[in-house]
Amino acid sequence: MIIRDIEEALQLKPDALILVDDFDHYPFLAHLGKIYHYEELFREIAGNRRWVLVRLQGQETFDY
């Protein structure tokens, strides 16, 4: 699933796993943190490839 807007983000399951490519090029994690609490499970930076795997922790925070 590609999350394009807030309505799609709010449809995620409370324990969803999310793989974010190029996580440091866009403020996706900052925006995600305003909607959900999440735990970072793994982060890798290898050359020009960057990605992070996170798991949502519970319900929405509605802090956006």
PDB file of N, CA and C in Angstrom:
ATOM      1  N   MET A   1       0.846  -1.176   0.000  1.00  0.00           N
ATOM      2  CA  MET A   1       0.000   0.000   0.000  1.00  0.00           C
ATOM      3  C   MET A   1       0.893   1.242   0.000  1.00  0.00           C
ATOM      4  N   ILE A   2       0.637   2.140  -0.887  1.00  0.00           N
ATOM      5  CA  ILE A   2       1.331   3.423  -0.903  1.00  0.00           C
ATOM      6  C   ILE A   2       0.406   4.434  -0.231  1.00  0.00           C
ATOM      7  N   ILE A   3       0.911   5.058   0.824  1.00  0.00           N
ATOM      8  CA  ILE A   3       0.099   6.018   1.577  1.00  0.00           C
ATOM      9  C   ILE A   3       0.255   7.382   0.936  1.00  0.00           C
ATOM     10  N   ARG A   4      -0.852   7.917   0.434  1.00  0.00           N
ATOM     11  CA  ARG A   4      -0.818   9.192  -0.294  1.00  0.00           C
ATOM     12  C   ARG A   4      -1.394  10.364   0.492  1.00  0.00           C
ATOM     13  N   ASP A   5      -2.230  10.077   1.482  1.00  0.00           N
ATOM     14  CA  ASP A   5      -2.825  11.179   2.225  1.00  0.00           C
ATOM     15  C   ASP A   5      -3.242  10.711   3.612  1.00  0.00           C
ATOM     16  N   ILE A   6      -3.718  11.619   4.417  1.00  0.00           N
ATOM     17  CA  ILE A   6      -4.065  11.340   5.810  1.00  0.00           C
ATOM     18  C   ILE A   6      -5.183  10.306   5.933  1.00  0.00           C
ATOM     19  N   GLU A   7      -6.137  10.328   5.029  1.00  0.00           N
ATOM     20  CA  GLU A   7      -7.236   9.362   5.100  1.00  0.00           C
ATOM     21  C   GLU A   7      -6.718   7.937   4.935  1.00  0.00           C
ATOM     22  N   GLU A   8      -5.781   7.729   4.021  1.00  0.00           N
ATOM     23  CA  GLU A   8      -5.197   6.406   3.841  1.00  0.00           C
ATOM     24  C   GLU A   8      -4.364   6.009   5.061  1.00  0.00           C
ATOM     25  N   ALA A   9      -3.646   6.947   5.635  1.00  0.00           N
ATOM     26  CA  ALA A   9      -2.835   6.644   6.818  1.00  0.00           C
ATOM     27  C   ALA A   9      -3.708   6.213   7.989  1.00  0.00           C
ATOM     28  N   LEU A  10      -4.879   6.800   8.118  1.00  0.00           N
ATOM     29  CA  LEU A  10      -5.755   6.459   9.235  1.00  0.00           C
ATOM     30  C   LEU A  10      -6.402   5.090   9.071  1.00  0.00           C
ATOM     31  N   GLN A  11      -6.273   4.466   7.918  1.00  0.00           N
ATOM     32  CA  GLN A  11      -6.833   3.140   7.684  1.00  0.00           C
ATOM     33  C   GLN A  11      -5.859   2.014   8.029  1.00  0.00           C
ATOM     34  N   LEU A  12      -4.653   2.358   8.463  1.00  0.00           N
ATOM     35  CA  LEU A  12      -3.665   1.341   8.799  1.00  0.00           C
ATOM     36  C   LEU A  12      -4.067   0.582  10.061  1.00  0.00           C
ATOM     37  N   LYS A  13      -3.680  -0.681  10.134  1.00  0.00           N
ATOM     38  CA  LYS A  13      -3.925  -1.470  11.340  1.00  0.00           C
ATOM     39  C   LYS A  13      -3.020  -0.956  12.456  1.00  0.00           C
ATOM     40  N   PRO A  14      -3.441  -1.077  13.708  1.00  0.00           N
ATOM     41  CA  PRO A  14      -2.676  -0.512  14.826  1.00  0.00           C
ATOM     42  C   PRO A  14      -1.272  -1.091  14.999  1.00  0.00           C
ATOM     43  N   ASP A  15      -1.000  -2.260  14.421  1.00  0.00           N
ATOM     44  CA  ASP A  15       0.330  -2.862  14.547  1.00  0.00           C
ATOM     45  C   ASP A  15       0.994  -3.063  13.177  1.00  0.00           C
ATOM     46  N   ALA A  16       0.623  -2.254  12.214  1.00  0.00           N
ATOM     47  CA  ALA A  16       1.131  -2.389  10.845  1.00  0.00           C
ATOM     48  C   ALA A  16       2.640  -2.188  10.794  1.00  0.00           C
ATOM     49  N   LEU A  17       3.279  -2.933   9.897  1.00  0.00           N
ATOM     50  CA  LEU A  17       4.688  -2.722   9.578  1.00  0.00           C
ATOM     51  C   LEU A  17       4.762  -1.825   8.351  1.00  0.00           C
ATOM     52  N   ILE A  18       5.673  -0.856   8.380  1.00  0.00           N
ATOM     53  CA  ILE A  18       5.800   0.091   7.274  1.00  0.00           C
ATOM     54  C   ILE A  18       7.268   0.189   6.890  1.00  0.00           C
ATOM     55  N   LEU A  19       7.554  -0.029   5.619  1.00  0.00           N
ATOM     56  CA  LEU A  19       8.902   0.111   5.085  1.00  0.00           C
ATOM     57  C   LEU A  19       8.966   1.442   4.345  1.00  0.00           C
ATOM     58  N   VAL A  20       9.876   2.308   4.771  1.00  0.00           N
ATOM     59  CA  VAL A  20       9.988   3.643   4.184  1.00  0.00           C
ATOM     60  C   VAL A  20      11.314   3.738   3.434  1.00  0.00           C
ATOM     61  N   ASP A  21      11.221   3.931   2.133  1.00  0.00           N
ATOM     62  CA  ASP A  21      12.393   4.108   1.287  1.00  0.00           C
ATOM     63  C   ASP A  21      12.760   5.584   1.261  1.00  0.00           C
ATOM     64  N   ASP A  22      14.047   5.878   1.202  1.00  0.00           N
ATOM     65  CA  ASP A  22      14.521   7.272   1.179  1.00  0.00           C
ATOM     66  C   ASP A  22      13.919   8.075   2.321  1.00  0.00           C
ATOM     67  N   PHE A  23      13.935   7.502   3.519  1.00  0.00           N
ATOM     68  CA  PHE A  23      13.287   8.110   4.681  1.00  0.00           C
ATOM     69  C   PHE A  23      13.872   9.465   5.053  1.00  0.00           C
ATOM     70  N   ASP A  24      15.108   9.737   4.649  1.00  0.00           N
ATOM     71  CA  ASP A  24      15.714  11.017   5.011  1.00  0.00           C
ATOM     72  C   ASP A  24      15.565  12.074   3.912  1.00  0.00           C
ATOM     73  N   HIS A  25      14.878  11.763   2.826  1.00  0.00           N
ATOM     74  CA  HIS A  25      14.636  12.741   1.768  1.00  0.00           C
ATOM     75  C   HIS A  25      13.323  13.485   1.972  1.00  0.00           C
ATOM     76  N   TYR A  26      12.427  12.909   2.721  1.00  0.00           N
ATOM     77  CA  TYR A  26      11.093  13.476   2.937  1.00  0.00           C
ATOM     78  C   TYR A  26      10.780  13.408   4.430  1.00  0.00           C
ATOM     79  N   PRO A  27       9.906  14.261   4.932  1.00  0.00           N
ATOM     80  CA  PRO A  27       9.583  14.236   6.368  1.00  0.00           C
ATOM     81  C   PRO A  27       8.520  13.188   6.724  1.00  0.00           C
ATOM     82  N   PHE A  28       8.543  12.034   6.054  1.00  0.00           N
ATOM     83  CA  PHE A  28       7.509  11.033   6.277  1.00  0.00           C
ATOM     84  C   PHE A  28       7.457  10.569   7.722  1.00  0.00           C
ATOM     85  N   LEU A  29       8.600  10.278   8.319  1.00  0.00           N
ATOM     86  CA  LEU A  29       8.598   9.786   9.701  1.00  0.00           C
ATOM     87  C   LEU A  29       8.094  10.852  10.673  1.00  0.00           C
ATOM     88  N   ALA A  30       8.451  12.096  10.438  1.00  0.00           N
ATOM     89  CA  ALA A  30       7.942  13.179  11.288  1.00  0.00           C
ATOM     90  C   ALA A  30       6.425  13.286  11.168  1.00  0.00           C
ATOM     91  N   HIS A  31       5.923  13.174   9.957  1.00  0.00           N
ATOM     92  CA  HIS A  31       4.473  13.231   9.742  1.00  0.00           C
ATOM     93  C   HIS A  31       3.790  12.003  10.336  1.00  0.00           C
ATOM     94  N   LEU A  32       4.381  10.820  10.145  1.00  0.00           N
ATOM     95  CA  LEU A  32       3.815   9.607  10.717  1.00  0.00           C
ATOM     96  C   LEU A  32       3.741   9.714  12.240  1.00  0.00           C
ATOM     97  N   GLY A  33       4.770  10.278  12.851  1.00  0.00           N
ATOM     98  CA  GLY A  33       4.802  10.444  14.305  1.00  0.00           C
ATOM     99  C   GLY A  33       3.726  11.372  14.839  1.00  0.00           C
ATOM    100  N   LYS A  34       3.176  12.222  13.985  1.00  0.00           N
ATOM    101  CA  LYS A  34       2.071  13.086  14.403  1.00  0.00           C
ATOM    102  C   LYS A  34       0.740  12.352  14.389  1.00  0.00           C
ATOM    103  N   ILE A  35       0.709  11.192  13.722  1.00  0.00           N
ATOM    104  CA  ILE A  35      -0.532  10.423  13.615  1.00  0.00           C
ATOM    105  C   ILE A  35      -0.494   9.172  14.490  1.00  0.00           C
ATOM    106  N   TYR A  36       0.644   8.506  14.529  1.00  0.00           N
ATOM    107  CA  TYR A  36       0.797   7.239  15.256  1.00  0.00           C
ATOM    108  C   TYR A  36       2.071   7.251  16.092  1.00  0.00           C
ATOM    109  N   HIS A  37       2.044   6.515  17.188  1.00  0.00           N
ATOM    110  CA  HIS A  37       3.285   6.154  17.867  1.00  0.00           C
ATOM    111  C   HIS A  37       3.846   4.983  17.081  1.00  0.00           C
ATOM    112  N   TYR A  38       5.154   4.947  16.915  1.00  0.00           N
ATOM    113  CA  TYR A  38       5.753   3.840  16.186  1.00  0.00           C
ATOM    114  C   TYR A  38       7.103   3.498  16.787  1.00  0.00           C
ATOM    115  N   GLU A  39       7.547   2.279  16.512  1.00  0.00           N
ATOM    116  CA  GLU A  39       8.842   1.786  16.947  1.00  0.00           C
ATOM    117  C   GLU A  39       9.688   1.531  15.710  1.00  0.00           C
ATOM    118  N   GLU A  40      10.889   2.054  15.702  1.00  0.00           N
ATOM    119  CA  GLU A  40      11.794   1.784  14.593  1.00  0.00           C
ATOM    120  C   GLU A  40      12.444   0.421  14.830  1.00  0.00           C
ATOM    121  N   LEU A  41      12.257  -0.486  13.886  1.00  0.00           N
ATOM    122  CA  LEU A  41      12.779  -1.835  14.022  1.00  0.00           C
ATOM    123  C   LEU A  41      14.139  -2.010  13.359  1.00  0.00           C
ATOM    124  N   PHE A  42      14.341  -1.352  12.233  1.00  0.00           N
ATOM    125  CA  PHE A  42      15.587  -1.512  11.498  1.00  0.00           C
ATOM    126  C   PHE A  42      15.796  -0.305  10.603  1.00  0.00           C
ATOM    127  N   ARG A  43      17.059   0.102  10.474  1.00  0.00           N
ATOM    128  CA  ARG A  43      17.417   1.220   9.597  1.00  0.00           C
ATOM    129  C   ARG A  43      18.687   0.824   8.859  1.00  0.00           C
ATOM    130  N   GLU A  44      18.725   1.113   7.572  1.00  0.00           N
ATOM    131  CA  GLU A  44      19.934   0.811   6.813  1.00  0.00           C
ATOM    132  C   GLU A  44      20.228   1.931   5.837  1.00  0.00           C
ATOM    133  N   ILE A  45      21.487   2.303   5.821  1.00  0.00           N
ATOM    134  CA  ILE A  45      21.990   3.257   4.838  1.00  0.00           C
ATOM    135  C   ILE A  45      23.178   2.581   4.175  1.00  0.00           C
ATOM    136  N   ALA A  46      23.032   2.277   2.894  1.00  0.00           N
ATOM    137  CA  ALA A  46      24.081   1.602   2.136  1.00  0.00           C
ATOM    138  C   ALA A  46      24.279   2.357   0.832  1.00  0.00           C
ATOM    139  N   GLY A  47      25.308   3.168   0.793  1.00  0.00           N
ATOM    140  CA  GLY A  47      25.528   3.996  -0.393  1.00  0.00           C
ATOM    141  C   GLY A  47      24.405   5.000  -0.539  1.00  0.00           C
ATOM    142  N   ASN A  48      23.746   4.974  -1.687  1.00  0.00           N
ATOM    143  CA  ASN A  48      22.635   5.907  -1.898  1.00  0.00           C
ATOM    144  C   ASN A  48      21.278   5.274  -1.592  1.00  0.00           C
ATOM    145  N   ARG A  49      21.286   4.062  -1.025  1.00  0.00           N
ATOM    146  CA  ARG A  49      20.035   3.393  -0.643  1.00  0.00           C
ATOM    147  C   ARG A  49      19.797   3.590   0.846  1.00  0.00           C
ATOM    148  N   ARG A  50      18.597   4.074   1.196  1.00  0.00           N
ATOM    149  CA  ARG A  50      18.256   4.335   2.587  1.00  0.00           C
ATOM    150  C   ARG A  50      16.840   3.843   2.833  1.00  0.00           C
ATOM    151  N   TRP A  51      16.679   3.084   3.911  1.00  0.00           N
ATOM    152  CA  TRP A  51      15.339   2.655   4.260  1.00  0.00           C
ATOM    153  C   TRP A  51      15.252   2.381   5.743  1.00  0.00           C
ATOM    154  N   VAL A  52      14.025   2.433   6.242  1.00  0.00           N
ATOM    155  CA  VAL A  52      13.752   2.173   7.652  1.00  0.00           C
ATOM    156  C   VAL A  52      12.464   1.348   7.737  1.00  0.00           C
ATOM    157  N   LEU A  53      12.438   0.411   8.684  1.00  0.00           N
ATOM    158  CA  LEU A  53      11.262  -0.415   8.934  1.00  0.00           C
ATOM    159  C   LEU A  53      10.717  -0.031  10.297  1.00  0.00           C
ATOM    160  N   VAL A  54       9.439   0.332  10.340  1.00  0.00           N
ATOM    161  CA  VAL A  54       8.802   0.714  11.608  1.00  0.00           C
ATOM    162  C   VAL A  54       7.537  -0.118  11.826  1.00  0.00           C
ATOM    163  N   ARG A  55       7.152  -0.251  13.090  1.00  0.00           N
ATOM    164  CA  ARG A  55       5.893  -0.915  13.450  1.00  0.00           C
ATOM    165  C   ARG A  55       5.059   0.087  14.244  1.00  0.00           C
ATOM    166  N   LEU A  56       3.817   0.244  13.826  1.00  0.00           N
ATOM    167  CA  LEU A  56       2.918   1.119  14.565  1.00  0.00           C
ATOM    168  C   LEU A  56       2.661   0.534  15.939  1.00  0.00           C
ATOM    169  N   GLN A  57       2.433   1.412  16.898  1.00  0.00           N
ATOM    170  CA  GLN A  57       2.180   0.996  18.280  1.00  0.00           C
ATOM    171  C   GLN A  57       0.855   1.567  18.744  1.00  0.00           C
ATOM    172  N   GLY A  58      -0.193   0.851  18.454  1.00  0.00           N
ATOM    173  CA  GLY A  58      -1.507   1.256  18.950  1.00  0.00           C
ATOM    174  C   GLY A  58      -2.260   2.166  18.011  1.00  0.00           C
ATOM    175  N   GLN A  59      -3.179   2.888  18.575  1.00  0.00           N
ATOM    176  CA  GLN A  59      -4.090   3.710  17.811  1.00  0.00           C
ATOM    177  C   GLN A  59      -3.476   5.047  17.431  1.00  0.00           C
ATOM    178  N   GLU A  60      -4.222   5.808  16.654  1.00  0.00           N
ATOM    179  CA  GLU A  60      -3.773   7.111  16.199  1.00  0.00           C
ATOM    180  C   GLU A  60      -3.592   8.053  17.384  1.00  0.00           C
ATOM    181  N   THR A  61      -2.657   8.996  17.224  1.00  0.00           N
ATOM    182  CA  THR A  61      -2.443  10.008  18.253  1.00  0.00           C
ATOM    183  C   THR A  61      -3.261  11.266  17.979  1.00  0.00           C
ATOM    184  N   PHE A  62      -3.673  11.456  16.721  1.00  0.00           N
ATOM    185  CA  PHE A  62      -4.423  12.650  16.299  1.00  0.00           C
ATOM    186  C   PHE A  62      -3.724  13.929  16.723  1.00  0.00           C
ATOM    187  N   ASP A  63      -2.412  13.965  16.529  1.00  0.00           N
ATOM    188  CA  ASP A  63      -1.609  15.116  16.904  1.00  0.00           C
ATOM    189  C   ASP A  63      -1.234  15.940  15.679  1.00  0.00           C
ATOM    190  N   TYR A  64      -2.008  15.835  14.609  1.00  0.00           N
ATOM    191  CA  TYR A  64      -1.658  16.520  13.366  1.00  0.00           C
ATOM    192  C   TYR A  64      -2.442  17.793  13.195  1.00  0.00           C
TER     193      TYR A  64
END
